[in-house]
N, C-alpha and C. Protein backbone atom coordinates (compact mmCIF):
# COMPACT_ATOMS: atom_id res chain seq x y z
N UNK A 1 120.37 119.82 85.95
CA UNK A 1 119.27 118.93 86.51
C UNK A 1 118.31 118.59 86.06
N UNK A 2 118.34 117.30 86.22
CA UNK A 2 117.41 116.28 86.17
C UNK A 2 116.11 116.02 86.77
N UNK A 3 115.16 115.72 87.09
CA UNK A 3 114.42 115.36 88.16
C UNK A 3 113.49 113.90 88.09
N UNK A 4 113.20 113.02 86.23
CA UNK A 4 113.05 112.29 85.74
C UNK A 4 113.95 111.66 85.16
N UNK A 5 114.90 110.26 86.12
CA UNK A 5 115.88 109.84 85.03
C UNK A 5 115.61 108.58 85.01
N UNK A 6 116.08 107.32 83.96
CA UNK A 6 116.45 106.25 84.56
C UNK A 6 117.34 105.65 84.93
N UNK A 7 117.23 104.31 85.16
CA UNK A 7 118.67 103.88 86.24
C UNK A 7 117.85 102.69 86.50
N UNK A 8 119.51 101.44 85.76
CA UNK A 8 118.55 100.69 85.07
C UNK A 8 117.17 100.38 84.27
N UNK A 9 116.28 99.59 84.51
CA UNK A 9 115.16 99.03 84.31
C UNK A 9 113.60 100.48 84.80
N UNK A 10 114.50 101.22 85.61
CA UNK A 10 113.70 101.93 86.41
C UNK A 10 113.78 103.34 85.91
N UNK A 11 112.75 103.53 86.21
CA UNK A 11 111.43 105.43 85.38
C UNK A 11 112.02 106.00 86.98
N UNK A 12 112.78 107.06 87.35
CA UNK A 12 112.97 107.44 88.83
C UNK A 12 112.60 109.18 88.12
N UNK A 13 112.18 109.83 90.15
CA UNK A 13 111.94 110.60 89.90
C UNK A 13 112.54 111.24 91.49
N UNK A 14 113.14 112.35 90.80
CA UNK A 14 114.34 113.31 91.87
C UNK A 14 112.75 114.39 92.28
N UNK A 15 112.98 113.63 93.51
CA UNK A 15 111.60 115.49 93.63
C UNK A 15 112.18 115.94 94.94
N UNK A 16 112.87 116.08 95.60
CA UNK A 16 113.58 116.73 96.61
C UNK A 16 115.07 116.53 97.05
N UNK A 17 115.80 117.93 97.40
CA UNK A 17 117.48 116.99 97.81
C UNK A 17 117.21 116.86 99.18
N UNK A 18 116.41 117.08 100.09
CA UNK A 18 116.00 117.54 101.63
C UNK A 18 116.09 115.61 102.24
N UNK A 19 116.91 115.73 103.28
CA UNK A 19 117.43 114.63 103.64
C UNK A 19 117.48 114.61 105.24
N UNK A 20 116.74 114.20 106.08
CA UNK A 20 116.99 113.92 107.63
C UNK A 20 118.26 113.27 107.68
N UNK A 21 119.19 112.10 107.23
CA UNK A 21 120.32 111.93 107.31
C UNK A 21 121.05 111.84 106.68
N UNK A 22 122.45 111.42 107.06
CA UNK A 22 123.25 112.50 106.17
C UNK A 22 124.62 110.79 106.00
N UNK A 23 124.41 109.51 105.23
CA UNK A 23 124.63 108.29 105.58
C UNK A 23 126.23 108.19 104.87
N UNK A 24 126.76 107.64 105.83
CA UNK A 24 127.86 107.45 105.59
C UNK A 24 128.47 106.61 103.89
N UNK A 25 127.77 106.48 103.36
CA UNK A 25 127.96 105.76 102.54
C UNK A 25 126.90 106.49 100.98
N UNK A 26 126.42 107.90 101.28
CA UNK A 26 125.20 108.25 100.72
C UNK A 26 126.23 108.28 99.04
N UNK A 27 125.80 107.63 97.87
CA UNK A 27 126.25 108.29 96.76
C UNK A 27 126.22 109.25 96.37
N UNK A 28 125.70 110.50 97.61
CA UNK A 28 125.26 111.73 96.64
C UNK A 28 127.02 112.53 96.94
N UNK A 29 127.45 112.03 97.42
CA UNK A 29 128.52 112.15 98.42
C UNK A 29 129.52 111.72 97.49
N UNK A 30 129.44 111.21 96.70
CA UNK A 30 130.37 110.26 95.64
C UNK A 30 130.66 111.24 94.31
N UNK A 31 129.26 111.39 93.43
CA UNK A 31 128.90 111.69 92.67
C UNK A 31 127.97 112.36 92.08
N UNK A 32 127.67 113.10 90.96
CA UNK A 32 126.90 114.37 91.06
C UNK A 32 125.75 113.87 90.26
N UNK A 33 125.75 112.68 90.21
CA UNK A 33 124.49 111.68 88.77
C UNK A 33 124.47 110.48 89.24
N UNK A 34 123.48 109.82 88.77
CA UNK A 34 123.70 107.82 88.23
C UNK A 34 122.78 108.00 87.05
N UNK A 35 122.12 106.58 86.37
CA UNK A 35 122.02 106.31 85.41
C UNK A 35 121.79 107.56 84.41
N UNK A 36 120.74 108.18 83.45
CA UNK A 36 120.93 109.32 82.25
C UNK A 36 121.46 110.52 82.74
N UNK A 37 120.98 110.71 83.84
CA UNK A 37 120.61 111.71 84.85
C UNK A 37 121.75 112.72 84.43
N UNK A 38 121.68 114.03 84.57
CA UNK A 38 122.54 114.68 84.49
C UNK A 38 123.59 115.01 85.45
N UNK A 39 122.12 115.98 86.47
CA UNK A 39 122.86 116.33 87.84
C UNK A 39 121.29 116.00 88.65
N UNK A 40 120.96 115.01 89.84
CA UNK A 40 120.49 114.72 90.56
C UNK A 40 120.50 116.26 91.79
N UNK A 41 121.13 117.10 91.82
CA UNK A 41 121.08 117.98 92.83
C UNK A 41 120.11 119.17 92.19
N UNK A 42 118.80 119.18 92.67
CA UNK A 42 117.56 120.30 91.97
C UNK A 42 118.39 122.33 92.54
N UNK A 43 117.59 122.27 91.47
CA UNK A 43 118.09 124.57 91.78
C UNK A 43 116.51 124.90 92.95
N UNK A 44 115.77 123.48 92.72
CA UNK A 44 114.76 124.03 93.34
C UNK A 44 113.71 122.44 93.34
N UNK A 45 112.70 122.95 94.23
CA UNK A 45 112.26 121.52 94.24
C UNK A 45 110.55 121.96 92.84
N UNK A 46 110.69 120.54 92.19
CA UNK A 46 109.50 120.67 91.07
C UNK A 46 108.64 120.32 91.36
N UNK A 47 107.38 120.60 90.38
CA UNK A 47 106.11 120.82 90.95
C UNK A 47 105.29 119.72 89.89
N UNK A 48 104.22 119.11 90.36
CA UNK A 48 103.33 118.45 90.17
C UNK A 48 104.04 118.24 88.46
N UNK A 49 103.00 119.63 88.35
CA UNK A 49 103.08 119.44 86.59
C UNK A 49 104.59 119.75 85.95
N UNK A 50 105.49 119.77 86.70
CA UNK A 50 106.85 119.71 85.64
C UNK A 50 107.02 118.18 85.52
N UNK A 51 106.68 117.96 87.20
CA UNK A 51 107.27 116.40 86.54
C UNK A 51 106.54 115.59 85.52
N UNK A 52 105.00 115.80 86.05
CA UNK A 52 104.05 115.23 85.15
C UNK A 52 104.68 115.30 83.45
N UNK A 53 105.34 116.61 82.98
CA UNK A 53 105.73 116.87 81.55
C UNK A 53 106.99 116.37 81.34
N UNK A 54 108.09 115.56 83.04
CA UNK A 54 109.21 115.24 82.53
C UNK A 54 108.97 113.87 82.08
N UNK A 55 107.70 113.06 82.75
CA UNK A 55 107.25 111.48 82.36
C UNK A 55 106.82 111.51 81.31
N UNK A 56 105.90 112.60 80.59
CA UNK A 56 105.66 112.07 79.39
C UNK A 56 106.32 112.31 77.86
N UNK A 57 107.52 113.50 78.79
CA UNK A 57 108.96 113.09 77.93
C UNK A 57 109.57 112.27 77.69
N UNK A 58 109.80 111.51 78.85
CA UNK A 58 110.32 109.76 78.51
C UNK A 58 110.12 108.74 78.96
N UNK A 59 108.76 108.77 78.21
CA UNK A 59 107.62 108.07 77.57
C UNK A 59 107.64 106.96 78.80
N UNK A 60 107.14 107.79 79.89
CA UNK A 60 106.46 106.64 81.19
C UNK A 60 106.27 105.58 80.69
N UNK A 61 104.99 105.43 80.01
CA UNK A 61 104.66 104.78 79.71
C UNK A 61 105.21 103.33 79.13
N UNK A 62 106.44 103.40 78.37
CA UNK A 62 107.00 102.22 77.94
C UNK A 62 107.45 101.38 79.22
N UNK A 63 107.88 102.16 80.80
CA UNK A 63 108.67 101.51 82.07
C UNK A 63 107.26 100.17 82.59
N UNK A 64 108.28 99.72 83.14
CA UNK A 64 106.90 98.70 83.83
C UNK A 64 106.93 99.45 85.66
N UNK A 65 108.23 100.55 85.88
CA UNK A 65 107.80 101.10 87.50
C UNK A 65 108.51 101.98 87.13
N UNK A 66 107.99 102.64 88.60
CA UNK A 66 108.09 104.21 88.48
C UNK A 66 108.88 104.47 90.13
N UNK A 67 109.59 105.12 90.20
CA UNK A 67 110.58 104.60 91.30
C UNK A 67 110.92 106.02 91.64
N UNK A 68 109.96 106.71 93.59
CA UNK A 68 110.02 107.66 93.90
C UNK A 68 111.94 107.63 94.80
N UNK A 69 112.48 108.31 94.28
CA UNK A 69 113.98 107.41 94.60
C UNK A 69 114.76 109.03 93.82
N UNK A 70 115.13 109.77 94.19
CA UNK A 70 116.57 110.75 94.05
C UNK A 70 117.97 111.40 95.56
N UNK A 71 118.04 112.09 95.29
CA UNK A 71 118.97 112.92 96.02
C UNK A 71 117.97 113.32 96.63
N UNK A 72 117.58 112.69 98.04
CA UNK A 72 116.88 112.83 98.76
C UNK A 72 115.48 112.01 99.72
N UNK A 73 114.97 112.43 100.71
CA UNK A 73 114.38 111.59 101.35
C UNK A 73 112.49 111.74 100.66
N UNK A 74 111.84 111.35 99.39
CA UNK A 74 111.17 111.50 99.13
C UNK A 74 109.80 111.51 99.65
N UNK A 75 109.93 111.23 101.01
CA UNK A 75 108.93 111.90 102.15
C UNK A 75 108.57 112.87 102.58
N UNK A 76 109.95 113.27 102.23
CA UNK A 76 110.00 115.10 102.36
C UNK A 76 108.92 116.12 101.61
N UNK A 77 109.19 115.09 100.28
CA UNK A 77 107.27 115.94 100.08
C UNK A 77 106.39 115.25 99.45
N UNK A 78 105.37 114.86 101.07
CA UNK A 78 104.83 113.77 101.51
C UNK A 78 103.19 114.17 100.11
N UNK A 79 103.34 115.46 99.69
CA UNK A 79 102.07 116.23 99.11
C UNK A 79 102.16 115.60 97.88
N UNK A 80 103.32 115.20 97.28
CA UNK A 80 104.16 115.25 95.98
C UNK A 80 103.76 113.83 95.39
N UNK A 81 104.39 113.17 95.89
CA UNK A 81 104.22 111.59 95.97
C UNK A 81 102.28 111.34 96.38
N UNK A 82 101.59 111.96 97.21
CA UNK A 82 99.75 111.16 97.07
C UNK A 82 99.28 112.24 95.71
N UNK A 83 99.81 113.28 95.52
CA UNK A 83 99.08 114.01 93.93
C UNK A 83 98.89 113.15 93.15
N UNK A 84 100.37 112.55 93.10
CA UNK A 84 101.17 112.61 91.07
C UNK A 84 101.16 110.99 91.54
N UNK A 85 100.48 110.20 92.66
CA UNK A 85 100.74 108.86 92.26
C UNK A 85 98.91 108.72 91.15
N UNK A 86 98.57 109.20 91.71
CA UNK A 86 97.56 108.51 90.39
C UNK A 86 96.89 109.01 89.28
N UNK A 87 98.12 110.62 89.22
CA UNK A 87 98.22 110.91 87.18
C UNK A 87 98.98 109.45 86.93
N UNK A 88 100.09 108.95 87.44
CA UNK A 88 100.77 107.80 87.51
C UNK A 88 100.06 107.02 86.66
N UNK A 89 99.19 106.37 87.94
CA UNK A 89 98.42 105.08 87.49
C UNK A 89 97.44 105.37 86.48
N UNK A 90 96.68 106.41 86.46
CA UNK A 90 95.93 106.88 85.45
C UNK A 90 95.78 106.79 84.35
N UNK A 91 97.44 107.60 84.14
CA UNK A 91 97.97 107.75 82.36
C UNK A 91 99.07 106.74 82.12
N UNK A 92 99.64 106.74 82.73
CA UNK A 92 100.45 105.02 82.23
C UNK A 92 100.25 103.66 82.30
N UNK A 93 99.31 103.89 83.96
CA UNK A 93 99.66 102.33 84.57
C UNK A 93 100.43 101.80 85.29
N UNK A 94 101.88 101.75 85.38
CA UNK A 94 102.75 102.02 85.88
C UNK A 94 102.82 101.15 87.53
N UNK A 95 103.58 100.33 88.09
CA UNK A 95 103.76 100.15 89.03
C UNK A 95 104.92 101.56 89.53
N UNK A 96 104.26 101.67 91.40
CA UNK A 96 104.51 102.85 91.37
C UNK A 96 105.60 102.59 92.84
N UNK A 97 107.10 102.76 92.69
CA UNK A 97 107.69 102.18 93.79
C UNK A 97 107.51 103.99 95.03
N UNK A 98 108.06 103.36 96.31
CA UNK A 98 108.70 104.41 96.98
C UNK A 98 110.44 103.51 97.50
N UNK A 99 111.26 104.06 97.04
CA UNK A 99 112.80 103.79 97.94
C UNK A 99 112.84 104.97 99.03
N UNK A 100 112.92 104.12 100.55
CA UNK A 100 112.58 105.63 101.92
C UNK A 100 114.00 104.96 102.85
N UNK A 101 113.93 106.10 104.13
CA UNK A 101 114.69 105.67 104.54
C UNK A 101 113.96 105.47 105.83
N UNK A 102 112.42 105.81 105.25
CA UNK A 102 111.94 105.01 106.27
C UNK A 102 111.24 106.11 108.00
N UNK A 103 112.12 107.98 107.63
CA UNK A 103 111.76 108.51 109.22
C UNK A 103 110.35 108.92 108.41
N UNK A 104 109.63 109.08 107.18
CA UNK A 104 108.71 109.82 107.00
C UNK A 104 107.62 110.60 107.86
N UNK A 105 107.32 108.94 108.79
CA UNK A 105 106.83 110.21 109.97
C UNK A 105 106.84 110.37 110.85
N UNK A 106 108.21 110.58 111.06
CA UNK A 106 108.98 111.47 112.14
C UNK A 106 109.46 113.00 110.89
N UNK A 107 109.25 112.80 109.63
CA UNK A 107 109.53 114.03 108.88
C UNK A 107 107.72 114.68 108.71
N UNK A 108 107.06 114.27 108.76
CA UNK A 108 105.91 114.71 108.79
C UNK A 108 105.31 114.90 109.71
N UNK A 109 105.60 114.52 111.35
CA UNK A 109 105.04 114.51 112.76
C UNK A 109 104.04 113.48 112.36
N UNK A 110 103.06 112.99 112.24
CA UNK A 110 101.94 111.72 111.63
C UNK A 110 102.90 110.53 111.01
N UNK A 111 101.75 109.51 111.10
CA UNK A 111 101.87 108.45 110.75
C UNK A 111 101.49 108.52 109.53
N UNK A 112 102.20 108.09 108.02
CA UNK A 112 101.38 108.28 107.03
C UNK A 112 101.71 107.54 106.64
N UNK A 113 101.67 106.12 107.25
CA UNK A 113 101.32 105.27 106.13
C UNK A 113 100.13 104.74 105.89
N UNK A 114 99.18 105.27 106.81
CA UNK A 114 98.10 105.21 105.78
C UNK A 114 97.68 105.78 104.56
N UNK A 115 98.48 106.93 104.09
CA UNK A 115 98.58 107.54 102.84
C UNK A 115 99.45 106.86 102.05
N UNK A 116 100.38 106.75 102.31
CA UNK A 116 101.54 105.63 101.42
C UNK A 116 100.36 104.44 100.64
N UNK A 117 99.71 104.33 101.68
CA UNK A 117 98.87 102.52 100.71
C UNK A 117 98.59 103.53 100.37
N UNK A 118 97.38 104.28 99.76
CA UNK A 118 96.88 104.76 99.29
C UNK A 118 97.69 105.31 97.31
N UNK A 119 98.77 105.55 97.78
CA UNK A 119 99.80 105.64 96.69
C UNK A 119 100.75 105.33 95.82
N UNK A 120 101.33 104.10 96.91
CA UNK A 120 101.86 103.08 95.98
C UNK A 120 102.01 101.74 95.81
N UNK A 121 102.66 101.15 95.49
CA UNK A 121 102.46 99.34 95.12
C UNK A 121 103.31 98.87 96.09
N UNK A 122 104.61 99.28 96.09
CA UNK A 122 105.65 98.77 96.67
C UNK A 122 106.69 99.76 97.41
N UNK A 123 107.52 98.99 98.71
CA UNK A 123 108.53 100.47 99.36
C UNK A 123 109.89 99.34 99.14
N UNK A 124 110.83 99.97 99.14
CA UNK A 124 111.91 99.75 99.46
C UNK A 124 112.85 101.04 101.01
N UNK A 125 112.46 100.35 101.96
CA UNK A 125 113.82 101.03 103.48
C UNK A 125 114.74 100.13 103.73
N UNK A 126 115.84 101.22 104.00
CA UNK A 126 116.94 101.49 104.19
C UNK A 126 116.92 101.01 105.61
N UNK A 127 117.45 99.85 106.25
CA UNK A 127 117.31 99.15 107.16
C UNK A 127 118.65 99.57 108.10
N UNK A 128 119.59 99.51 107.32
CA UNK A 128 121.10 99.91 107.86
C UNK A 128 122.04 99.11 108.22
N UNK A 129 121.52 98.99 109.77
CA UNK A 129 121.74 98.30 110.57
C UNK A 129 121.38 97.15 111.49
N UNK A 130 121.82 96.56 112.35
CA UNK A 130 121.10 95.44 113.74
C UNK A 130 120.52 96.48 114.50
N UNK A 131 120.91 97.38 115.27
CA UNK A 131 120.66 97.83 116.45
C UNK A 131 120.70 99.60 116.17
N UNK A 132 120.14 100.19 116.98
CA UNK A 132 120.31 102.14 116.96
C UNK A 132 121.54 102.91 117.23
N UNK A 133 122.38 102.28 118.14
CA UNK A 133 123.85 102.67 118.27
C UNK A 133 124.76 102.31 116.39
N UNK A 134 124.96 100.51 115.82
CA UNK A 134 124.99 100.83 114.60
C UNK A 134 124.21 102.04 113.58
N UNK A 135 122.79 102.19 113.84
CA UNK A 135 122.22 102.61 113.16
C UNK A 135 122.35 104.30 113.10
N UNK A 136 123.14 104.93 113.91
CA UNK A 136 122.92 106.31 114.04
C UNK A 136 124.52 106.95 113.51
N UNK A 137 125.21 105.25 113.79
CA UNK A 137 126.61 105.82 113.62
C UNK A 137 126.76 106.12 111.74
N UNK A 138 126.04 105.04 111.53
CA UNK A 138 126.11 105.12 110.00
C UNK A 138 124.98 105.67 109.64
N UNK A 139 124.18 106.58 110.25
CA UNK A 139 123.46 107.49 109.32
C UNK A 139 123.57 108.99 110.04
N UNK A 140 123.74 108.82 110.15
CA UNK A 140 124.11 110.43 111.36
C UNK A 140 122.67 111.30 111.60
N UNK A 141 120.89 110.44 111.23
CA UNK A 141 120.00 110.67 111.51
C UNK A 141 119.95 111.81 112.23
N UNK A 142 118.83 113.22 111.96
CA UNK A 142 118.34 114.40 112.94
C UNK A 142 118.36 113.82 113.89
N UNK A 143 116.96 112.70 113.73
CA UNK A 143 115.66 112.85 114.80
C UNK A 143 116.60 111.58 116.10
N UNK A 144 117.65 111.51 116.12
CA UNK A 144 118.31 110.85 117.40
C UNK A 144 117.83 109.47 117.27
N UNK A 145 117.96 109.59 118.94
CA UNK A 145 118.08 108.84 119.66
C UNK A 145 116.08 108.46 119.78
N UNK A 146 116.05 106.55 119.47
CA UNK A 146 114.21 106.37 119.00
C UNK A 146 113.69 106.48 118.06
N UNK A 147 115.19 107.03 116.77
CA UNK A 147 114.33 107.15 115.36
C UNK A 147 114.14 105.87 115.29
N UNK A 148 115.09 104.91 115.72
CA UNK A 148 114.93 102.93 115.24
C UNK A 148 114.11 102.03 115.35
N UNK A 149 113.43 102.62 116.48
CA UNK A 149 112.50 101.46 117.11
C UNK A 149 111.45 102.62 115.83
N UNK A 150 111.60 103.63 115.55
CA UNK A 150 110.59 104.36 114.43
C UNK A 150 110.59 103.20 113.16
N UNK A 151 111.70 103.55 113.57
CA UNK A 151 111.78 102.60 111.58
C UNK A 151 111.35 101.12 111.48
N UNK A 152 111.65 100.53 112.56
CA UNK A 152 111.47 99.24 113.04
C UNK A 152 109.67 99.03 112.46
N UNK A 153 109.05 100.59 112.94
CA UNK A 153 107.45 100.46 113.48
C UNK A 153 107.80 100.82 112.22
N UNK A 154 107.82 101.67 111.42
CA UNK A 154 107.69 101.68 110.14
C UNK A 154 107.06 100.69 109.31
N UNK A 155 108.33 99.96 108.69
CA UNK A 155 108.39 98.40 108.30
C UNK A 155 107.63 98.08 108.84
N UNK A 156 107.31 97.58 109.76
CA UNK A 156 106.18 97.18 110.25
C UNK A 156 104.33 96.99 109.29
N UNK A 157 104.64 98.56 109.55
CA UNK A 157 103.24 99.06 109.03
C UNK A 157 102.72 99.00 108.11
N UNK A 158 104.33 99.18 107.21
CA UNK A 158 104.24 99.05 105.60
C UNK A 158 104.00 97.70 105.80
N UNK A 159 104.47 96.79 105.85
CA UNK A 159 104.38 95.32 106.14
C UNK A 159 102.65 94.99 106.12
N UNK A 160 102.47 95.68 106.68
CA UNK A 160 100.61 95.21 107.13
C UNK A 160 99.88 96.33 106.76
N UNK A 161 100.21 96.80 105.26
CA UNK A 161 99.04 97.78 105.11
C UNK A 161 99.52 97.91 103.41
N UNK A 162 100.51 97.71 103.53
CA UNK A 162 101.42 98.35 102.13
C UNK A 162 101.71 95.99 101.55
N UNK A 163 102.21 95.89 101.96
CA UNK A 163 102.29 94.32 101.89
C UNK A 163 103.45 94.53 101.29
N UNK A 164 104.06 94.76 99.95
CA UNK A 164 105.09 94.33 99.32
C UNK A 164 106.67 95.08 99.82
N UNK A 165 107.02 94.81 100.57
CA UNK A 165 108.33 95.54 101.37
C UNK A 165 109.84 94.65 101.13
N UNK A 166 110.39 95.67 100.22
CA UNK A 166 111.61 94.47 101.56
C UNK A 166 112.76 95.99 101.82
N UNK A 167 113.75 95.28 102.57
CA UNK A 167 114.55 96.09 103.60
C UNK A 167 115.89 95.67 102.65
N UNK A 168 116.62 96.96 102.98
CA UNK A 168 118.48 96.71 102.87
C UNK A 168 119.37 97.58 103.56
N UNK A 169 120.95 96.67 103.59
CA UNK A 169 121.96 97.24 103.82
C UNK A 169 122.26 97.33 103.12
N UNK A 170 123.56 98.93 103.20
CA UNK A 170 124.45 98.42 102.17
C UNK A 170 125.84 98.03 103.11
N UNK A 171 126.14 96.75 101.75
CA UNK A 171 127.16 95.37 102.45
C UNK A 171 128.84 96.49 102.75
N UNK A 172 129.80 96.55 103.86
CA UNK A 172 130.46 96.64 103.70
C UNK A 172 130.93 97.38 104.36
N UNK A 173 129.60 98.49 104.94
CA UNK A 173 129.41 99.06 106.01
C UNK A 173 128.89 98.43 108.20
N UNK A 174 128.25 97.65 107.61
CA UNK A 174 128.46 97.27 108.38
C UNK A 174 129.26 95.34 108.30
N UNK A 175 128.88 94.75 109.87
CA UNK A 175 130.14 94.05 109.48
C UNK A 175 129.02 92.65 109.02
N UNK A 176 129.58 91.39 108.48
CA UNK A 176 129.09 90.61 108.07
C UNK A 176 127.57 89.73 109.30
N UNK A 177 128.31 89.90 110.25
CA UNK A 177 127.16 89.56 111.50
C UNK A 177 126.79 90.16 111.94
N UNK A 178 126.79 91.79 111.63
CA UNK A 178 125.94 92.38 111.62
C UNK A 178 125.07 92.36 110.69
N UNK A 179 124.81 92.19 109.16
CA UNK A 179 124.30 91.56 108.00
C UNK A 179 123.21 90.82 108.24
N UNK A 180 123.95 89.80 108.71
CA UNK A 180 123.42 88.55 108.85
C UNK A 180 121.98 89.05 109.67
N UNK A 181 122.43 89.23 110.90
CA UNK A 181 121.48 89.24 112.14
C UNK A 181 119.99 91.06 110.91
N UNK A 182 120.72 91.80 110.39
CA UNK A 182 119.62 91.67 109.48
C UNK A 182 118.73 91.11 108.33
N UNK A 183 119.04 90.75 108.40
CA UNK A 183 118.33 89.49 107.26
C UNK A 183 117.89 88.08 108.38
N UNK A 184 117.75 88.29 109.03
CA UNK A 184 116.82 87.73 109.90
C UNK A 184 116.90 88.17 110.45
N UNK A 185 116.32 89.15 111.00
CA UNK A 185 115.34 90.45 111.21
C UNK A 185 114.25 90.42 110.18
N UNK A 186 115.02 91.02 108.91
CA UNK A 186 113.73 90.50 107.70
C UNK A 186 112.71 89.69 108.08
N UNK A 187 113.04 88.79 108.04
CA UNK A 187 111.87 87.53 108.15
C UNK A 187 111.30 87.51 109.29
N UNK A 188 112.32 87.73 109.95
CA UNK A 188 111.39 88.30 111.95
C UNK A 188 109.78 88.95 111.22
N UNK A 189 110.18 89.42 110.26
CA UNK A 189 109.47 90.75 109.78
C UNK A 189 108.89 90.44 109.08
N UNK A 190 109.00 89.24 108.22
CA UNK A 190 108.18 89.19 106.98
C UNK A 190 108.28 89.92 106.02
N UNK A 191 109.20 90.28 106.07
CA UNK A 191 109.67 90.88 104.67
C UNK A 191 110.55 90.76 104.16
N UNK A 192 111.17 91.31 102.69
CA UNK A 192 112.46 90.96 102.19
C UNK A 192 113.45 91.60 102.59
N UNK A 193 114.94 90.49 102.13
CA UNK A 193 115.70 91.48 102.36
C UNK A 193 117.09 91.33 101.14
N UNK A 194 117.36 92.94 101.32
CA UNK A 194 118.15 93.01 100.05
C UNK A 194 119.98 93.32 100.11
N UNK A 195 120.55 93.16 100.70
CA UNK A 195 122.16 93.68 100.90
C UNK A 195 122.53 94.38 98.96
N UNK A 196 122.66 95.85 99.18
CA UNK A 196 123.15 96.44 97.99
C UNK A 196 124.70 97.33 98.03
């Protein structure tokens, strides 16, 4: 079980396996691990102390960026993000990014972007589709109708409060025309776009 793992040039924090979505493309349905992780399936959610110890063991100071991203939606544990981020900044001086499905405010029952703005430097948000019906087909999000508008609101607020925002789609799961529309939407919202 890996709670901190390297993937590419980043150091990733696997803090939960909980997620409100069951995306058709989700990598966790295809493999148990990524990067140098042995398994990203958790037997229990790690404490902040456990994460700090593992960051120390992994030599966090030698990485430019630490990313909250594992086999679950990190904002399911907003408290951990908020508690751990200042430790990471203070001890290792790393840039902090959140990879999210954008459902954090719905998960937590309140607008969490102001809290995230104090905790992270950048955010990558899964846009996945250019409209709600396509989004629900792809993500199978438990929040159902209205969650896509919440996602778009989350993206805009992150743009306004955090600034460094990238939205993404997974190529091959929507049409080229839909992907192009997502790219247009990113441009209209003033955020970066990535096809992965």
